[in-house]
Amino acid sequence: MAIPKEALTLGNIQLIPKGLDESYATIAEPAASCISAQEKLDIELSDTVLIIGAGPIGCIHIALAKARGAKKVIIADVNEERLNMCRIFKPDIILNVKKLDLVVEIKKITRGLGADKIITANPAAITQVQAVESSKRGGKIAFFGGLKYNDSKPNIDTNIIHYNS
């Protein structure tokens, strides 16, 4: 692959230090992005954190939210295989949203309050709607996963945002 000189001079490419396992190097940028999102959300000890999407990025978010001391970390996905994969990161609650209504379940778990912090780690617009509907009054949401070009305008009831802020 040809790399433009500008990419090198601007620091877009980083050399992998000798002795560093390549698998660690490949996770550096995604992990840094997840850390940045969680810092912006300001995840705290008392927080219930909902992560929608149990793929590799969702798994990184689970690990980071647990490391930040979140009181409860909930992972939700439609894919049973991904939900099984994420178990090694020890989320507190695993929800298969193919089998239940995510918003209703989050309201049950939080006794009607909603999640304090929510991260959408997937490319489905509907999950951004679910995030808004599952959020606690004054909660914070990170739309972390980019949406598909032809499905990038979720139908969000902005009154929920207005009245819950």
N, C-alpha and C. Protein backbone atom coordinates (compact mmCIF):
# COMPACT_ATOMS: atom_id res chain seq x y z
N MET A 1 0.84 -1.16 0.00
CA MET A 1 0.00 0.00 0.00
C MET A 1 0.90 1.24 0.00
N ALA A 2 0.59 2.17 -0.87
CA ALA A 2 1.33 3.43 -0.93
C ALA A 2 0.75 4.39 0.10
N ILE A 3 1.61 4.97 0.90
CA ILE A 3 1.18 5.91 1.93
C ILE A 3 1.68 7.29 1.54
N PRO A 4 0.77 8.28 1.45
CA PRO A 4 1.20 9.63 1.09
C PRO A 4 2.20 10.18 2.11
N LYS A 5 3.16 10.94 1.61
CA LYS A 5 4.19 11.54 2.47
C LYS A 5 3.57 12.38 3.58
N GLU A 6 2.47 13.09 3.25
CA GLU A 6 1.81 13.94 4.23
C GLU A 6 1.32 13.14 5.43
N ALA A 7 0.85 11.93 5.17
CA ALA A 7 0.36 11.08 6.27
C ALA A 7 1.49 10.77 7.25
N LEU A 8 2.67 10.59 6.71
CA LEU A 8 3.83 10.32 7.57
C LEU A 8 4.26 11.56 8.33
N THR A 9 4.34 12.70 7.62
CA THR A 9 4.84 13.92 8.27
C THR A 9 3.83 14.49 9.28
N LEU A 10 2.55 14.23 9.08
CA LEU A 10 1.53 14.73 10.01
C LEU A 10 1.31 13.80 11.20
N GLY A 11 1.97 12.66 11.19
CA GLY A 11 1.85 11.74 12.33
C GLY A 11 0.65 10.82 12.28
N ASN A 12 0.05 10.67 11.09
CA ASN A 12 -1.11 9.78 10.96
C ASN A 12 -0.74 8.32 11.11
N ILE A 13 0.49 8.00 10.87
CA ILE A 13 0.97 6.63 10.95
C ILE A 13 1.96 6.55 12.11
N GLN A 14 1.80 5.54 12.92
CA GLN A 14 2.70 5.34 14.05
C GLN A 14 3.42 4.02 13.88
N LEU A 15 4.69 4.02 14.16
CA LEU A 15 5.46 2.77 14.13
C LEU A 15 5.13 1.96 15.37
N ILE A 16 5.02 0.67 15.17
CA ILE A 16 4.79 -0.23 16.30
C ILE A 16 6.14 -0.47 16.96
N PRO A 17 6.25 -0.16 18.24
CA PRO A 17 7.54 -0.38 18.92
C PRO A 17 7.96 -1.85 18.85
N LYS A 18 9.26 -2.06 18.72
CA LYS A 18 9.78 -3.43 18.71
C LYS A 18 9.36 -4.14 19.99
N GLY A 19 8.94 -5.36 19.81
CA GLY A 19 8.56 -6.17 20.96
C GLY A 19 7.09 -6.06 21.34
N LEU A 20 6.38 -5.05 20.81
CA LEU A 20 4.96 -4.92 21.12
C LEU A 20 4.17 -5.87 20.24
N ASP A 21 3.39 -6.70 20.84
CA ASP A 21 2.55 -7.64 20.12
C ASP A 21 1.61 -6.87 19.18
N GLU A 22 1.51 -7.29 17.93
CA GLU A 22 0.68 -6.58 16.95
C GLU A 22 -0.79 -6.53 17.36
N SER A 23 -1.26 -7.53 18.10
CA SER A 23 -2.66 -7.51 18.52
C SER A 23 -2.93 -6.33 19.46
N TYR A 24 -1.94 -5.93 20.26
CA TYR A 24 -2.11 -4.75 21.12
C TYR A 24 -2.12 -3.48 20.27
N ALA A 25 -1.27 -3.45 19.28
CA ALA A 25 -1.20 -2.27 18.41
C ALA A 25 -2.51 -2.05 17.66
N THR A 26 -3.14 -3.14 17.21
CA THR A 26 -4.37 -3.00 16.43
C THR A 26 -5.54 -2.51 17.27
N ILE A 27 -5.49 -2.70 18.57
CA ILE A 27 -6.59 -2.29 19.44
C ILE A 27 -6.40 -0.87 19.98
N ALA A 28 -5.23 -0.29 19.77
CA ALA A 28 -4.91 1.01 20.36
C ALA A 28 -5.89 2.11 19.94
N GLU A 29 -6.14 2.26 18.66
CA GLU A 29 -7.01 3.36 18.21
C GLU A 29 -8.45 3.14 18.64
N PRO A 30 -9.04 1.95 18.43
CA PRO A 30 -10.42 1.77 18.92
C PRO A 30 -10.54 1.98 20.43
N ALA A 31 -9.57 1.48 21.18
CA ALA A 31 -9.61 1.66 22.64
C ALA A 31 -9.51 3.13 23.01
N ALA A 32 -8.64 3.87 22.33
CA ALA A 32 -8.49 5.30 22.61
C ALA A 32 -9.80 6.05 22.32
N SER A 33 -10.48 5.67 21.25
CA SER A 33 -11.77 6.30 20.92
C SER A 33 -12.81 6.00 21.99
N CYS A 34 -12.83 4.76 22.47
CA CYS A 34 -13.77 4.38 23.53
C CYS A 34 -13.46 5.13 24.82
N ILE A 35 -12.19 5.25 25.16
CA ILE A 35 -11.79 5.99 26.36
C ILE A 35 -12.25 7.44 26.25
N SER A 36 -12.05 8.05 25.09
CA SER A 36 -12.47 9.44 24.88
C SER A 36 -13.98 9.59 25.09
N ALA A 37 -14.75 8.68 24.53
CA ALA A 37 -16.22 8.75 24.68
C ALA A 37 -16.62 8.62 26.14
N GLN A 38 -15.98 7.69 26.85
CA GLN A 38 -16.35 7.48 28.25
C GLN A 38 -15.92 8.65 29.13
N GLU A 39 -14.82 9.29 28.79
CA GLU A 39 -14.42 10.49 29.53
C GLU A 39 -15.43 11.60 29.33
N LYS A 40 -15.93 11.75 28.11
CA LYS A 40 -16.94 12.77 27.83
C LYS A 40 -18.25 12.47 28.56
N LEU A 41 -18.59 11.19 28.68
CA LEU A 41 -19.79 10.80 29.41
C LEU A 41 -19.61 10.97 30.92
N ASP A 42 -18.37 10.97 31.37
CA ASP A 42 -18.03 11.10 32.79
C ASP A 42 -18.69 9.99 33.61
N ILE A 43 -18.41 8.75 33.22
CA ILE A 43 -18.96 7.59 33.92
C ILE A 43 -18.41 7.57 35.34
N GLU A 44 -19.34 7.43 36.31
CA GLU A 44 -18.99 7.48 37.73
C GLU A 44 -19.43 6.22 38.46
N LEU A 45 -19.04 6.12 39.72
CA LEU A 45 -19.31 4.93 40.54
C LEU A 45 -20.79 4.61 40.67
N SER A 46 -21.64 5.61 40.72
CA SER A 46 -23.06 5.38 40.95
C SER A 46 -23.84 5.12 39.66
N ASP A 47 -23.18 5.13 38.52
CA ASP A 47 -23.88 5.08 37.23
C ASP A 47 -24.33 3.68 36.82
N THR A 48 -25.52 3.67 36.22
CA THR A 48 -25.98 2.51 35.45
C THR A 48 -25.67 2.85 34.00
N VAL A 49 -24.84 2.02 33.37
CA VAL A 49 -24.40 2.26 32.00
C VAL A 49 -25.02 1.22 31.08
N LEU A 50 -25.68 1.68 30.04
CA LEU A 50 -26.25 0.80 29.02
C LEU A 50 -25.40 0.91 27.77
N ILE A 51 -24.93 -0.23 27.29
CA ILE A 51 -24.17 -0.29 26.04
C ILE A 51 -25.00 -1.11 25.06
N ILE A 52 -25.34 -0.49 23.94
CA ILE A 52 -26.16 -1.18 22.94
C ILE A 52 -25.24 -1.58 21.79
N GLY A 53 -24.94 -2.86 21.72
CA GLY A 53 -24.03 -3.39 20.71
C GLY A 53 -22.93 -4.18 21.39
N ALA A 54 -22.94 -5.50 21.19
CA ALA A 54 -22.00 -6.39 21.89
C ALA A 54 -20.87 -6.89 21.00
N GLY A 55 -20.53 -6.11 19.98
CA GLY A 55 -19.39 -6.46 19.15
C GLY A 55 -18.09 -6.07 19.84
N PRO A 56 -17.00 -6.06 19.10
CA PRO A 56 -15.71 -5.73 19.70
C PRO A 56 -15.69 -4.36 20.40
N ILE A 57 -16.30 -3.35 19.79
CA ILE A 57 -16.32 -2.02 20.40
C ILE A 57 -17.18 -2.03 21.66
N GLY A 58 -18.32 -2.68 21.61
CA GLY A 58 -19.15 -2.80 22.80
C GLY A 58 -18.41 -3.49 23.93
N CYS A 59 -17.63 -4.52 23.59
CA CYS A 59 -16.84 -5.23 24.61
C CYS A 59 -15.79 -4.32 25.24
N ILE A 60 -15.15 -3.50 24.42
CA ILE A 60 -14.19 -2.53 24.97
C ILE A 60 -14.91 -1.59 25.93
N HIS A 61 -16.10 -1.14 25.53
CA HIS A 61 -16.87 -0.24 26.40
C HIS A 61 -17.26 -0.91 27.71
N ILE A 62 -17.61 -2.20 27.66
CA ILE A 62 -17.93 -2.91 28.91
C ILE A 62 -16.72 -2.86 29.84
N ALA A 63 -15.57 -3.27 29.31
CA ALA A 63 -14.35 -3.33 30.13
C ALA A 63 -14.01 -1.96 30.72
N LEU A 64 -14.14 -0.92 29.92
CA LEU A 64 -13.81 0.43 30.40
C LEU A 64 -14.80 0.92 31.45
N ALA A 65 -16.10 0.68 31.21
CA ALA A 65 -17.11 1.12 32.18
C ALA A 65 -16.93 0.40 33.51
N LYS A 66 -16.59 -0.89 33.45
CA LYS A 66 -16.32 -1.65 34.68
C LYS A 66 -15.08 -1.07 35.37
N ALA A 67 -14.04 -0.78 34.59
CA ALA A 67 -12.80 -0.24 35.16
C ALA A 67 -13.03 1.13 35.79
N ARG A 68 -13.97 1.90 35.23
CA ARG A 68 -14.27 3.22 35.79
C ARG A 68 -15.15 3.11 37.04
N GLY A 69 -15.60 1.89 37.35
CA GLY A 69 -16.36 1.66 38.57
C GLY A 69 -17.85 1.82 38.47
N ALA A 70 -18.40 1.80 37.25
CA ALA A 70 -19.85 1.94 37.10
C ALA A 70 -20.57 0.93 38.00
N LYS A 71 -21.64 1.37 38.63
CA LYS A 71 -22.40 0.52 39.54
C LYS A 71 -22.98 -0.69 38.81
N LYS A 72 -23.52 -0.44 37.61
CA LYS A 72 -24.15 -1.51 36.84
C LYS A 72 -23.86 -1.28 35.36
N VAL A 73 -23.38 -2.32 34.69
CA VAL A 73 -23.11 -2.25 33.25
C VAL A 73 -24.04 -3.25 32.56
N ILE A 74 -24.85 -2.72 31.66
CA ILE A 74 -25.83 -3.52 30.92
C ILE A 74 -25.42 -3.55 29.46
N ILE A 75 -25.39 -4.74 28.88
CA ILE A 75 -25.10 -4.87 27.45
C ILE A 75 -26.34 -5.40 26.75
N ALA A 76 -26.65 -4.84 25.59
CA ALA A 76 -27.82 -5.26 24.82
C ALA A 76 -27.42 -5.47 23.37
N ASP A 77 -27.99 -6.50 22.77
CA ASP A 77 -27.72 -6.79 21.36
C ASP A 77 -28.82 -7.72 20.86
N VAL A 78 -28.92 -7.84 19.54
CA VAL A 78 -29.87 -8.78 18.92
C VAL A 78 -29.20 -10.10 18.56
N ASN A 79 -27.88 -10.14 18.68
CA ASN A 79 -27.10 -11.29 18.22
C ASN A 79 -26.63 -12.12 19.42
N GLU A 80 -27.19 -13.31 19.56
CA GLU A 80 -26.87 -14.19 20.69
C GLU A 80 -25.39 -14.55 20.73
N GLU A 81 -24.79 -14.74 19.57
CA GLU A 81 -23.36 -15.09 19.51
C GLU A 81 -22.50 -13.96 20.09
N ARG A 82 -22.83 -12.74 19.74
CA ARG A 82 -22.08 -11.59 20.28
C ARG A 82 -22.31 -11.44 21.78
N LEU A 83 -23.54 -11.67 22.20
CA LEU A 83 -23.82 -11.59 23.64
C LEU A 83 -23.01 -12.63 24.41
N ASN A 84 -22.89 -13.82 23.84
CA ASN A 84 -22.07 -14.86 24.48
C ASN A 84 -20.60 -14.46 24.51
N MET A 85 -20.13 -13.85 23.41
CA MET A 85 -18.74 -13.41 23.33
C MET A 85 -18.42 -12.38 24.42
N CYS A 86 -19.36 -11.50 24.70
CA CYS A 86 -19.08 -10.41 25.64
C CYS A 86 -19.09 -10.86 27.10
N ARG A 87 -19.53 -12.07 27.37
CA ARG A 87 -19.61 -12.54 28.76
C ARG A 87 -18.26 -12.50 29.48
N ILE A 88 -17.17 -12.67 28.75
CA ILE A 88 -15.85 -12.67 29.41
C ILE A 88 -15.50 -11.30 29.99
N PHE A 89 -16.21 -10.26 29.56
CA PHE A 89 -15.98 -8.91 30.09
C PHE A 89 -16.85 -8.63 31.32
N LYS A 90 -17.67 -9.60 31.67
CA LYS A 90 -18.48 -9.58 32.90
C LYS A 90 -19.44 -8.39 33.04
N PRO A 91 -20.29 -8.16 32.02
CA PRO A 91 -21.33 -7.15 32.22
C PRO A 91 -22.26 -7.64 33.33
N ASP A 92 -22.90 -6.73 34.02
CA ASP A 92 -23.80 -7.12 35.10
C ASP A 92 -25.10 -7.72 34.58
N ILE A 93 -25.58 -7.19 33.46
CA ILE A 93 -26.83 -7.68 32.86
C ILE A 93 -26.63 -7.79 31.36
N ILE A 94 -27.10 -8.91 30.80
CA ILE A 94 -27.02 -9.15 29.35
C ILE A 94 -28.45 -9.26 28.83
N LEU A 95 -28.78 -8.43 27.84
CA LEU A 95 -30.13 -8.41 27.29
C LEU A 95 -30.13 -8.76 25.81
N ASN A 96 -30.88 -9.79 25.45
CA ASN A 96 -31.09 -10.11 24.04
C ASN A 96 -32.35 -9.37 23.61
N VAL A 97 -32.17 -8.28 22.88
CA VAL A 97 -33.30 -7.43 22.52
C VAL A 97 -34.10 -7.98 21.34
N LYS A 98 -33.73 -9.16 20.87
CA LYS A 98 -34.57 -9.86 19.91
C LYS A 98 -35.75 -10.49 20.65
N LYS A 99 -35.56 -10.70 21.95
CA LYS A 99 -36.55 -11.41 22.76
C LYS A 99 -37.32 -10.49 23.71
N LEU A 100 -36.95 -9.23 23.78
CA LEU A 100 -37.64 -8.31 24.70
C LEU A 100 -37.54 -6.88 24.21
N ASP A 101 -38.35 -6.02 24.80
CA ASP A 101 -38.35 -4.60 24.45
C ASP A 101 -37.29 -3.91 25.31
N LEU A 102 -36.26 -3.38 24.68
CA LEU A 102 -35.14 -2.79 25.41
C LEU A 102 -35.57 -1.66 26.34
N VAL A 103 -36.37 -0.75 25.84
CA VAL A 103 -36.77 0.41 26.64
C VAL A 103 -37.55 -0.04 27.87
N VAL A 104 -38.51 -0.94 27.68
CA VAL A 104 -39.31 -1.45 28.80
C VAL A 104 -38.40 -2.14 29.82
N GLU A 105 -37.46 -2.94 29.35
CA GLU A 105 -36.56 -3.68 30.24
C GLU A 105 -35.66 -2.73 31.03
N ILE A 106 -35.14 -1.70 30.38
CA ILE A 106 -34.28 -0.74 31.08
C ILE A 106 -35.08 0.01 32.14
N LYS A 107 -36.29 0.37 31.82
CA LYS A 107 -37.14 1.06 32.81
C LYS A 107 -37.41 0.14 34.00
N LYS A 108 -37.61 -1.17 33.74
CA LYS A 108 -37.81 -2.13 34.85
C LYS A 108 -36.56 -2.21 35.72
N ILE A 109 -35.41 -2.39 35.07
CA ILE A 109 -34.14 -2.55 35.79
C ILE A 109 -33.83 -1.33 36.65
N THR A 110 -34.15 -0.15 36.14
CA THR A 110 -33.81 1.10 36.83
C THR A 110 -34.98 1.66 37.64
N ARG A 111 -36.00 0.85 37.84
CA ARG A 111 -37.20 1.26 38.60
C ARG A 111 -37.82 2.54 38.03
N GLY A 112 -37.89 2.57 36.70
CA GLY A 112 -38.54 3.67 36.01
C GLY A 112 -37.68 4.88 35.73
N LEU A 113 -36.45 4.89 36.22
CA LEU A 113 -35.60 6.08 36.05
C LEU A 113 -34.92 6.17 34.69
N GLY A 114 -34.45 5.05 34.17
CA GLY A 114 -33.65 5.05 32.95
C GLY A 114 -32.17 4.98 33.29
N ALA A 115 -31.36 4.68 32.29
CA ALA A 115 -29.91 4.54 32.47
C ALA A 115 -29.26 5.92 32.57
N ASP A 116 -28.22 5.99 33.41
CA ASP A 116 -27.49 7.26 33.59
C ASP A 116 -26.68 7.62 32.35
N LYS A 117 -25.98 6.62 31.80
CA LYS A 117 -25.11 6.83 30.65
C LYS A 117 -25.40 5.72 29.64
N ILE A 118 -25.49 6.10 28.37
CA ILE A 118 -25.81 5.13 27.32
C ILE A 118 -24.84 5.32 26.16
N ILE A 119 -24.38 4.18 25.63
CA ILE A 119 -23.47 4.18 24.48
C ILE A 119 -24.08 3.30 23.41
N THR A 120 -24.29 3.87 22.22
CA THR A 120 -24.73 3.04 21.09
C THR A 120 -23.47 2.65 20.32
N ALA A 121 -23.15 1.38 20.36
CA ALA A 121 -21.93 0.88 19.71
C ALA A 121 -22.30 -0.04 18.56
N ASN A 122 -23.05 0.51 17.62
CA ASN A 122 -23.54 -0.27 16.48
C ASN A 122 -24.03 0.69 15.40
N PRO A 123 -24.29 0.19 14.18
CA PRO A 123 -24.70 1.07 13.09
C PRO A 123 -26.21 1.13 12.84
N ALA A 124 -27.04 0.80 13.84
CA ALA A 124 -28.49 0.76 13.63
C ALA A 124 -29.16 2.02 14.20
N ALA A 125 -29.85 2.75 13.36
CA ALA A 125 -30.50 4.00 13.77
C ALA A 125 -31.51 3.78 14.89
N ILE A 126 -32.21 2.67 14.88
CA ILE A 126 -33.22 2.41 15.90
C ILE A 126 -32.62 2.43 17.30
N THR A 127 -31.36 2.05 17.43
CA THR A 127 -30.76 2.02 18.76
C THR A 127 -30.52 3.43 19.31
N GLN A 128 -30.39 4.40 18.43
CA GLN A 128 -30.28 5.78 18.90
C GLN A 128 -31.62 6.25 19.47
N VAL A 129 -32.70 5.82 18.83
CA VAL A 129 -34.04 6.11 19.35
C VAL A 129 -34.21 5.44 20.71
N GLN A 130 -33.83 4.16 20.78
CA GLN A 130 -33.94 3.42 22.05
C GLN A 130 -33.09 4.07 23.14
N ALA A 131 -31.93 4.58 22.78
CA ALA A 131 -31.06 5.23 23.76
C ALA A 131 -31.76 6.45 24.37
N VAL A 132 -32.34 7.28 23.53
CA VAL A 132 -33.04 8.46 24.02
C VAL A 132 -34.20 8.05 24.92
N GLU A 133 -34.94 7.02 24.52
CA GLU A 133 -36.10 6.58 25.29
C GLU A 133 -35.71 5.84 26.58
N SER A 134 -34.48 5.34 26.65
CA SER A 134 -34.01 4.59 27.83
C SER A 134 -33.23 5.45 28.81
N SER A 135 -33.02 6.70 28.46
CA SER A 135 -32.16 7.58 29.26
C SER A 135 -32.88 8.16 30.47
N LYS A 136 -32.14 8.29 31.52
CA LYS A 136 -32.61 8.94 32.75
C LYS A 136 -32.71 10.44 32.51
N ARG A 137 -33.56 11.10 33.28
CA ARG A 137 -33.62 12.57 33.23
C ARG A 137 -32.21 13.10 33.54
N GLY A 138 -31.66 13.90 32.65
CA GLY A 138 -30.30 14.42 32.82
C GLY A 138 -29.22 13.42 32.44
N GLY A 139 -29.61 12.29 31.86
CA GLY A 139 -28.64 11.28 31.45
C GLY A 139 -27.81 11.75 30.26
N LYS A 140 -26.77 11.00 29.98
CA LYS A 140 -25.89 11.34 28.85
C LYS A 140 -25.83 10.16 27.89
N ILE A 141 -25.77 10.48 26.60
CA ILE A 141 -25.74 9.46 25.55
C ILE A 141 -24.57 9.74 24.62
N ALA A 142 -23.84 8.68 24.26
CA ALA A 142 -22.81 8.77 23.23
C ALA A 142 -23.28 7.94 22.04
N PHE A 143 -23.55 8.61 20.93
CA PHE A 143 -23.86 7.90 19.68
C PHE A 143 -22.52 7.51 19.09
N PHE A 144 -21.97 6.41 19.56
CA PHE A 144 -20.61 6.01 19.22
C PHE A 144 -20.52 5.36 17.85
N GLY A 145 -21.46 4.51 17.52
CA GLY A 145 -21.42 3.83 16.22
C GLY A 145 -21.99 4.72 15.13
N GLY A 146 -21.26 4.86 14.03
CA GLY A 146 -21.76 5.62 12.89
C GLY A 146 -22.91 4.87 12.23
N LEU A 147 -23.82 5.61 11.64
CA LEU A 147 -24.98 5.00 10.99
C LEU A 147 -24.74 4.82 9.50
N LYS A 148 -25.48 3.89 8.93
CA LYS A 148 -25.41 3.67 7.49
C LYS A 148 -25.91 4.93 6.79
N TYR A 149 -25.28 5.25 5.67
CA TYR A 149 -25.59 6.48 4.95
C TYR A 149 -27.08 6.63 4.65
N ASN A 150 -27.72 5.55 4.22
CA ASN A 150 -29.14 5.63 3.83
C ASN A 150 -30.07 5.47 5.03
N ASP A 151 -29.52 5.36 6.24
CA ASP A 151 -30.34 5.20 7.45
C ASP A 151 -29.73 6.02 8.59
N SER A 152 -29.35 7.25 8.28
CA SER A 152 -28.63 8.06 9.28
C SER A 152 -29.49 9.13 9.93
N LYS A 153 -30.80 9.04 9.75
CA LYS A 153 -31.69 10.05 10.33
C LYS A 153 -32.76 9.36 11.16
N PRO A 154 -32.41 8.96 12.39
CA PRO A 154 -33.39 8.27 13.22
C PRO A 154 -34.56 9.19 13.58
N ASN A 155 -35.72 8.59 13.76
CA ASN A 155 -36.93 9.33 14.10
C ASN A 155 -37.00 9.45 15.63
N ILE A 156 -36.36 10.49 16.15
CA ILE A 156 -36.26 10.68 17.60
C ILE A 156 -37.27 11.72 18.05
N ASP A 157 -38.01 11.38 19.09
CA ASP A 157 -38.95 12.31 19.70
C ASP A 157 -38.14 13.31 20.53
N THR A 158 -37.92 14.48 19.98
CA THR A 158 -37.08 15.47 20.66
C THR A 158 -37.71 16.03 21.93
N ASN A 159 -39.01 15.82 22.12
CA ASN A 159 -39.63 16.22 23.38
C ASN A 159 -39.04 15.44 24.55
N ILE A 160 -38.64 14.19 24.31
CA ILE A 160 -38.00 13.41 25.37
C ILE A 160 -36.72 14.10 25.81
N ILE A 161 -35.94 14.55 24.83
CA ILE A 161 -34.69 15.25 25.15
C ILE A 161 -35.00 16.56 25.88
N HIS A 162 -35.95 17.30 25.36
CA HIS A 162 -36.30 18.60 25.95
C HIS A 162 -36.76 18.45 27.40
N TYR A 163 -37.70 17.55 27.64
CA TYR A 163 -38.29 17.45 28.98
C TYR A 163 -37.46 16.63 29.97
N ASN A 164 -36.48 15.87 29.48
CA ASN A 164 -35.63 15.09 30.39
C ASN A 164 -34.29 15.76 30.67
N SER A 165 -34.10 16.96 30.14
CA SER A 165 -32.80 17.61 30.37
C SER A 165 -32.83 18.42 31.65
